[in-house]
Amino acid sequence: MIGYVLPGKPIANLLFKIYGRISTIHALSFLADLKLGHYMKIPPRCMYVAQLAGTFVAGTINLAVK
């Protein structure tokens, strides 16, 4: 898809592909954690809030390091 929008730019194509892959891997990891919480009978809202808080902390730390 991005190859048609930006032809002749391999770096843009690779970045688009990597961004899509990383997003997919993080989404699958998030779902696996929610599934584990379901098996442990932890309420979904608590699991979601914990995941969201962890995401904000990790994002803040990554931003601070850069």
Foldseek 3Di string as FASTA:
>chain_A
DVCVVDPPDVVVVVVVVVVVVVVVVVVVVLVVQLVVCVVVVHDSVVSVVVVVVVVVVVVVVVVVVD
